[in-house]
Amino acid sequence: MIQFSVQADGSAMIDLGSEGEVRESISLEDLDGPPALGSLVLHFDFYGRLARIEVTDSADSVLPPALLENPPG
């Protein structure tokens, strides 16, 4: 089950329901593209599957309003 949470500092975590522990995390801040990339960290489980998406800055400037208004879970 997908879980979504926004912290008091504006950061957010989208947990994609992976049951394993996070084994590798990759920040997207060094990639060229839209400014939102600088606020994203992808977390992968032992098998290399995407387990979590972390928003390190203001979630409301990175995530779609519909997700913030109607979070899953």
N, C-alpha and C. Protein backbone atom coordinates (compact mmCIF):
# COMPACT_ATOMS: atom_id res chain seq x y z
N MET A 1 0.84 -1.17 0.00
CA MET A 1 0.00 0.00 0.00
C MET A 1 0.89 1.25 0.00
N ILE A 2 0.53 2.21 -0.81
CA ILE A 2 1.29 3.45 -0.89
C ILE A 2 0.94 4.32 0.32
N GLN A 3 1.99 4.87 0.93
CA GLN A 3 1.80 5.78 2.06
C GLN A 3 2.46 7.10 1.70
N PHE A 4 1.84 8.18 2.11
CA PHE A 4 2.32 9.51 1.78
C PHE A 4 2.29 10.37 3.04
N SER A 5 3.37 11.09 3.27
CA SER A 5 3.39 11.98 4.44
C SER A 5 4.16 13.25 4.10
N VAL A 6 3.67 14.36 4.65
CA VAL A 6 4.34 15.65 4.53
C VAL A 6 4.75 16.07 5.93
N GLN A 7 6.00 16.46 6.09
CA GLN A 7 6.53 16.88 7.38
C GLN A 7 6.30 18.37 7.61
N ALA A 8 6.48 18.83 8.82
CA ALA A 8 6.29 20.23 9.18
C ALA A 8 7.23 21.16 8.39
N ASP A 9 8.42 20.65 8.03
CA ASP A 9 9.37 21.49 7.29
C ASP A 9 9.07 21.53 5.79
N GLY A 10 8.00 20.87 5.35
CA GLY A 10 7.60 20.88 3.95
C GLY A 10 8.11 19.71 3.13
N SER A 11 9.03 18.93 3.67
CA SER A 11 9.52 17.76 2.95
C SER A 11 8.43 16.69 2.94
N ALA A 12 8.58 15.71 2.07
CA ALA A 12 7.56 14.67 1.95
C ALA A 12 8.21 13.34 1.64
N MET A 13 7.48 12.26 1.94
CA MET A 13 7.94 10.91 1.63
C MET A 13 6.77 10.15 1.02
N ILE A 14 7.01 9.52 -0.10
CA ILE A 14 6.04 8.64 -0.73
C ILE A 14 6.63 7.24 -0.64
N ASP A 15 6.02 6.41 0.19
CA ASP A 15 6.47 5.03 0.39
C ASP A 15 5.64 4.15 -0.52
N LEU A 16 6.31 3.45 -1.42
CA LEU A 16 5.62 2.68 -2.45
C LEU A 16 5.27 1.26 -2.01
N GLY A 17 5.42 0.96 -0.74
CA GLY A 17 4.98 -0.32 -0.22
C GLY A 17 6.00 -1.43 -0.29
N SER A 18 7.24 -1.10 -0.57
CA SER A 18 8.28 -2.12 -0.58
C SER A 18 8.47 -2.65 0.83
N GLU A 19 8.58 -3.94 0.98
CA GLU A 19 8.70 -4.52 2.31
C GLU A 19 10.15 -4.67 2.75
N GLY A 20 11.09 -4.49 1.84
CA GLY A 20 12.50 -4.60 2.19
C GLY A 20 13.07 -3.27 2.64
N GLU A 21 14.26 -3.34 3.17
CA GLU A 21 14.91 -2.10 3.60
C GLU A 21 15.52 -1.38 2.40
N VAL A 22 15.71 -0.09 2.55
CA VAL A 22 16.34 0.72 1.51
C VAL A 22 17.83 0.39 1.49
N ARG A 23 18.33 0.06 0.31
CA ARG A 23 19.74 -0.31 0.18
C ARG A 23 20.55 0.75 -0.56
N GLU A 24 19.88 1.56 -1.37
CA GLU A 24 20.58 2.59 -2.13
C GLU A 24 19.66 3.77 -2.33
N SER A 25 20.23 4.96 -2.23
CA SER A 25 19.48 6.19 -2.45
C SER A 25 20.23 7.05 -3.46
N ILE A 26 19.49 7.63 -4.38
CA ILE A 26 20.10 8.45 -5.42
C ILE A 26 19.41 9.81 -5.44
N SER A 27 20.19 10.86 -5.21
CA SER A 27 19.69 12.22 -5.30
C SER A 27 19.70 12.64 -6.77
N LEU A 28 18.68 13.35 -7.18
CA LEU A 28 18.59 13.79 -8.57
C LEU A 28 19.03 15.24 -8.75
N GLU A 29 19.64 15.83 -7.72
CA GLU A 29 19.98 17.24 -7.75
C GLU A 29 20.99 17.62 -8.82
N ASP A 30 21.81 16.70 -9.28
CA ASP A 30 22.83 17.02 -10.27
C ASP A 30 22.39 16.81 -11.71
N LEU A 31 21.15 16.36 -11.91
CA LEU A 31 20.64 16.15 -13.26
C LEU A 31 20.12 17.45 -13.85
N ASP A 32 20.29 17.60 -15.16
CA ASP A 32 19.69 18.74 -15.85
C ASP A 32 18.22 18.46 -16.06
N GLY A 33 17.41 19.47 -15.90
CA GLY A 33 15.98 19.31 -16.09
C GLY A 33 15.23 20.34 -15.28
N PRO A 34 13.98 20.07 -15.02
CA PRO A 34 13.17 21.03 -14.26
C PRO A 34 13.71 21.20 -12.84
N PRO A 35 13.49 22.36 -12.25
CA PRO A 35 13.99 22.62 -10.89
C PRO A 35 13.56 21.59 -9.85
N ALA A 36 12.41 20.96 -10.03
CA ALA A 36 11.93 19.99 -9.05
C ALA A 36 12.89 18.82 -8.88
N LEU A 37 13.69 18.50 -9.89
CA LEU A 37 14.63 17.38 -9.78
C LEU A 37 15.58 17.56 -8.61
N GLY A 38 15.96 18.79 -8.32
CA GLY A 38 16.89 19.07 -7.23
C GLY A 38 16.35 18.72 -5.86
N SER A 39 15.07 18.49 -5.76
CA SER A 39 14.43 18.18 -4.48
C SER A 39 14.06 16.72 -4.34
N LEU A 40 14.44 15.89 -5.30
CA LEU A 40 14.02 14.49 -5.28
C LEU A 40 15.17 13.53 -4.97
N VAL A 41 14.86 12.55 -4.13
CA VAL A 41 15.78 11.46 -3.84
C VAL A 41 14.99 10.17 -4.05
N LEU A 42 15.55 9.27 -4.85
CA LEU A 42 14.92 7.97 -5.08
C LEU A 42 15.59 6.94 -4.20
N HIS A 43 14.80 6.13 -3.53
CA HIS A 43 15.30 5.10 -2.63
C HIS A 43 14.94 3.73 -3.21
N PHE A 44 15.92 2.83 -3.28
CA PHE A 44 15.74 1.51 -3.88
C PHE A 44 15.96 0.42 -2.84
N ASP A 45 15.21 -0.68 -3.00
CA ASP A 45 15.35 -1.81 -2.08
C ASP A 45 16.49 -2.73 -2.51
N PHE A 46 16.65 -3.82 -1.82
CA PHE A 46 17.72 -4.79 -2.06
C PHE A 46 17.73 -5.31 -3.49
N TYR A 47 16.56 -5.41 -4.11
CA TYR A 47 16.44 -5.95 -5.46
C TYR A 47 16.53 -4.89 -6.55
N GLY A 48 16.78 -3.65 -6.16
CA GLY A 48 16.88 -2.56 -7.11
C GLY A 48 15.55 -1.97 -7.52
N ARG A 49 14.49 -2.31 -6.79
CA ARG A 49 13.16 -1.78 -7.09
C ARG A 49 12.97 -0.45 -6.35
N LEU A 50 12.28 0.46 -6.99
CA LEU A 50 11.97 1.74 -6.36
C LEU A 50 11.08 1.51 -5.16
N ALA A 51 11.53 1.96 -3.99
CA ALA A 51 10.80 1.73 -2.74
C ALA A 51 10.17 3.01 -2.19
N ARG A 52 10.88 4.12 -2.35
CA ARG A 52 10.39 5.40 -1.80
C ARG A 52 10.84 6.55 -2.69
N ILE A 53 10.05 7.61 -2.66
CA ILE A 53 10.42 8.86 -3.30
C ILE A 53 10.40 9.91 -2.20
N GLU A 54 11.52 10.58 -2.02
CA GLU A 54 11.62 11.61 -0.99
C GLU A 54 11.69 12.98 -1.66
N VAL A 55 10.92 13.92 -1.12
CA VAL A 55 10.98 15.32 -1.55
C VAL A 55 11.67 16.06 -0.41
N THR A 56 12.85 16.59 -0.68
CA THR A 56 13.65 17.19 0.39
C THR A 56 13.31 18.65 0.67
N ASP A 57 12.65 19.31 -0.27
CA ASP A 57 12.28 20.71 -0.08
C ASP A 57 10.76 20.82 -0.02
N SER A 58 10.26 21.95 -0.34
CA SER A 58 8.83 22.23 -0.26
C SER A 58 8.02 21.33 -1.19
N ALA A 59 7.27 20.40 -0.61
CA ALA A 59 6.48 19.45 -1.39
C ALA A 59 5.46 20.16 -2.27
N ASP A 60 4.94 21.28 -1.83
CA ASP A 60 3.91 21.95 -2.63
C ASP A 60 4.47 22.60 -3.88
N SER A 61 5.78 22.75 -3.99
CA SER A 61 6.37 23.28 -5.23
C SER A 61 6.88 22.16 -6.14
N VAL A 62 6.83 20.91 -5.66
CA VAL A 62 7.36 19.77 -6.42
C VAL A 62 6.26 18.81 -6.85
N LEU A 63 5.31 18.56 -5.97
CA LEU A 63 4.28 17.55 -6.22
C LEU A 63 2.99 18.18 -6.75
N PRO A 64 2.21 17.42 -7.51
CA PRO A 64 0.95 17.95 -8.04
C PRO A 64 -0.03 18.27 -6.91
N PRO A 65 -0.77 19.37 -7.04
CA PRO A 65 -1.74 19.74 -6.01
C PRO A 65 -2.74 18.61 -5.70
N ALA A 66 -3.14 17.86 -6.69
CA ALA A 66 -4.12 16.78 -6.45
C ALA A 66 -3.57 15.73 -5.48
N LEU A 67 -2.27 15.46 -5.53
CA LEU A 67 -1.67 14.50 -4.60
C LEU A 67 -1.68 15.07 -3.19
N LEU A 68 -1.37 16.33 -3.05
CA LEU A 68 -1.35 16.96 -1.73
C LEU A 68 -2.74 17.08 -1.13
N GLU A 69 -3.75 17.30 -1.97
CA GLU A 69 -5.11 17.45 -1.49
C GLU A 69 -5.78 16.12 -1.18
N ASN A 70 -5.39 15.07 -1.91
CA ASN A 70 -6.00 13.74 -1.73
C ASN A 70 -4.90 12.68 -1.67
N PRO A 71 -4.11 12.67 -0.62
CA PRO A 71 -2.99 11.73 -0.55
C PRO A 71 -3.48 10.28 -0.48
N PRO A 72 -2.70 9.36 -1.08
CA PRO A 72 -3.05 7.94 -0.98
C PRO A 72 -2.84 7.43 0.44
N GLY A 73 -3.49 6.35 0.74
CA GLY A 73 -3.30 5.70 2.05
C GLY A 73 -4.16 6.34 3.05
